[in-house]
C-alpha atoms as a PDB file:
ATOM      1  CA  MET A   1     132.403  59.084  18.591  1.00  0.00           C
ATOM      2  CA  LYS A   2     128.949  60.541  19.220  1.00  0.00           C
ATOM      3  CA  LYS A   3     126.079  58.297  20.208  1.00  0.00           C
ATOM      4  CA  LEU A   4     122.720  58.569  18.515  1.00  0.00           C
ATOM      5  CA  ARG A   5     121.007  59.999  21.555  1.00  0.00           C
ATOM      6  CA  THR A   6     119.962  63.394  22.836  1.00  0.00           C
ATOM      7  CA  HIS A   7     122.033  65.235  25.427  1.00  0.00           C
ATOM      8  CA  ASP A   8     119.684  63.692  28.031  1.00  0.00           C
ATOM      9  CA  GLN A   9     120.400  60.208  26.623  1.00  0.00           C
ATOM     10  CA  GLU A  10     116.894  59.916  25.173  1.00  0.00           C
ATOM     11  CA  LYS A  11     116.333  57.775  22.083  1.00  0.00           C
ATOM     12  CA  ASN A  12     114.460  60.321  19.960  1.00  0.00           C
ATOM     13  CA  ILE A  13     114.034  64.055  19.575  1.00  0.00           C
ATOM     14  CA  ILE A  14     110.373  64.264  18.606  1.00  0.00           C
ATOM     15  CA  ALA A  15     108.715  62.955  21.794  1.00  0.00           C
ATOM     16  CA  SER A  16     107.780  66.311  23.321  1.00  0.00           C
ATOM     17  CA  ARG A  17     106.539  67.691  19.998  1.00  0.00           C
ATOM     18  CA  LEU A  18     104.479  64.583  19.289  1.00  0.00           C
ATOM     19  CA  ILE A  19     102.880  64.897  22.735  1.00  0.00           C
ATOM     20  CA  LYS A  20     102.175  68.586  22.128  1.00  0.00           C
ATOM     21  CA  LEU A  21     100.578  67.980  18.714  1.00  0.00           C
ATOM     22  CA  ARG A  22      98.524  65.071  20.019  1.00  0.00           C
ATOM     23  CA  ASN A  23      97.269  67.177  22.935  1.00  0.00           C
ATOM     24  CA  LEU A  24      96.530  70.195  20.714  1.00  0.00           C
ATOM     25  CA  CYS A  25      94.299  67.911  18.653  1.00  0.00           C
ATOM     26  CA  GLY A  26      92.665  66.444  21.770  1.00  0.00           C
ATOM     27  CA  PHE A  27      93.757  62.882  21.004  1.00  0.00           C
ATOM     28  CA  SER A  28      94.672  60.156  23.426  1.00  0.00           C
ATOM     29  CA  GLN A  29      97.501  57.867  22.373  1.00  0.00           C
ATOM     30  CA  ARG A  30      94.925  55.291  21.315  1.00  0.00           C
ATOM     31  CA  ASP A  31      92.968  57.905  19.322  1.00  0.00           C
ATOM     32  CA  LEU A  32      96.124  58.908  17.471  1.00  0.00           C
ATOM     33  CA  ALA A  33      97.059  55.315  16.714  1.00  0.00           C
ATOM     34  CA  ASP A  34      93.532  54.556  15.476  1.00  0.00           C
ATOM     35  CA  LYS A  35      93.476  57.639  13.236  1.00  0.00           C
ATOM     36  CA  LEU A  36      96.915  56.853  11.809  1.00  0.00           C
ATOM     37  CA  GLN A  37      95.771  53.296  11.085  1.00  0.00           C
ATOM     38  CA  LEU A  38      92.726  54.651   9.230  1.00  0.00           C
ATOM     39  CA  GLU A  39      95.184  56.695   7.123  1.00  0.00           C
ATOM     40  CA  GLY A  40      97.029  53.458   6.278  1.00  0.00           C
ATOM     41  CA  PHE A  41      99.992  53.783   8.643  1.00  0.00           C
ATOM     42  CA  ASN A  42     101.093  50.706  10.603  1.00  0.00           C
ATOM     43  CA  VAL A  43     101.018  52.280  14.086  1.00  0.00           C
ATOM     44  CA  ASP A  44      99.604  51.035  17.361  1.00  0.00           C
ATOM     45  CA  LYS A  45      99.137  52.625  20.787  1.00  0.00           C
ATOM     46  CA  ASN A  46     102.236  50.923  22.179  1.00  0.00           C
ATOM     47  CA  LEU A  47     104.383  52.465  19.451  1.00  0.00           C
ATOM     48  CA  ILE A  48     103.053  55.932  20.322  1.00  0.00           C
ATOM     49  CA  THR A  49     103.707  55.285  24.022  1.00  0.00           C
ATOM     50  CA  ARG A  50     107.284  54.112  23.420  1.00  0.00           C
ATOM     51  CA  ILE A  51     108.040  57.141  21.222  1.00  0.00           C
ATOM     52  CA  GLU A  52     106.537  59.584  23.726  1.00  0.00           C
ATOM     53  CA  THR A  53     108.432  58.033  26.646  1.00  0.00           C
ATOM     54  CA  ASN A  54     111.688  58.087  24.660  1.00  0.00           C
ATOM     55  CA  SER A  55     112.171  54.347  24.953  1.00  0.00           C
ATOM     56  CA  ARG A  56     112.216  53.873  21.179  1.00  0.00           C
ATOM     57  CA  TYR A  57     114.004  55.291  18.183  1.00  0.00           C
ATOM     58  CA  VAL A  58     111.787  56.801  15.474  1.00  0.00           C
ATOM     59  CA  SER A  59     112.164  55.788  11.840  1.00  0.00           C
ATOM     60  CA  ASP A  60     112.152  58.202   8.948  1.00  0.00           C
ATOM     61  CA  PHE A  61     108.900  56.622   7.769  1.00  0.00           C
ATOM     62  CA  GLU A  62     107.265  57.383  11.116  1.00  0.00           C
ATOM     63  CA  ILE A  63     108.467  60.989  11.052  1.00  0.00           C
ATOM     64  CA  LYS A  64     107.005  61.305   7.560  1.00  0.00           C
ATOM     65  CA  ALA A  65     103.707  59.786   8.758  1.00  0.00           C
ATOM     66  CA  PHE A  66     103.449  62.209  11.704  1.00  0.00           C
ATOM     67  CA  SER A  67     104.346  65.148   9.476  1.00  0.00           C
ATOM     68  CA  GLU A  68     101.686  64.229   6.923  1.00  0.00           C
ATOM     69  CA  PHE A  69      99.039  63.388   9.500  1.00  0.00           C
ATOM     70  CA  PHE A  70      99.418  66.558  11.555  1.00  0.00           C
ATOM     71  CA  GLY A  71     100.276  68.716   8.553  1.00  0.00           C
ATOM     72  CA  VAL A  72     103.489  70.047  10.095  1.00  0.00           C
ATOM     73  CA  SER A  73     106.992  70.429   8.737  1.00  0.00           C
ATOM     74  CA  TYR A  74     109.903  68.120   9.365  1.00  0.00           C
ATOM     75  CA  SER A  75     111.757  71.114  10.820  1.00  0.00           C
ATOM     76  CA  TYR A  76     109.155  71.376  13.559  1.00  0.00           C
ATOM     77  CA  LEU A  77     109.254  67.674  14.405  1.00  0.00           C
ATOM     78  CA  LEU A  78     113.026  67.372  14.287  1.00  0.00           C
ATOM     79  CA  ASP A  79     114.295  70.761  15.424  1.00  0.00           C
ATOM     80  CA  GLY A  80     111.296  72.339  17.148  1.00  0.00           C
ATOM     81  CA  ILE A  81     111.306  75.186  14.636  1.00  0.00           C
ATOM     82  CA  PRO A  82     107.787  75.713  13.290  1.00  0.00           C
ATOM     83  CA  THR A  83     107.270  77.233   9.864  1.00  0.00           C
ATOM     84  CA  LYS A  84     104.735  79.978   9.214  1.00  0.00           C
ATOM     85  CA  GLU A  85     102.369  77.292   7.917  1.00  0.00           C
ATOM     86  CA  ASP A  86     102.829  75.247  11.095  1.00  0.00           C
ATOM     87  CA  ILE A  87     101.994  78.271  13.251  1.00  0.00           C
ATOM     88  CA  LYS A  88      99.005  79.121  11.067  1.00  0.00           C
ATOM     89  CA  LYS A  89      97.619  75.614  11.636  1.00  0.00           C
ATOM     90  CA  TYR A  90      98.665  75.365  15.295  1.00  0.00           C
ATOM     91  CA  PRO A  91      99.034  78.865  16.814  1.00  0.00           C
ATOM     92  CA  ASP A  92     100.022  77.399  20.199  1.00  0.00           C
ATOM     93  CA  LEU A  93     103.222  75.829  18.885  1.00  0.00           C
END
């Protein structure tokens, strides 16, 4: 039976892409948490830290929030495959 972990035994698959998007936007973890809170999402800096350090699973609601906030596709967040729209918005993906 497969475990719900990456091949490196990490707890989520979006950590590196979340870090990349956050850095492309010039946000610290606190900045991102504050901006997400202003958008109505229940996120704090510690949640961002735990996701980015792979010490926490990510819920579908959180993936949806990151997708909406950054304006990227689920395929980019989950599989690392940017769409044409993702690349148009973030050429350095």
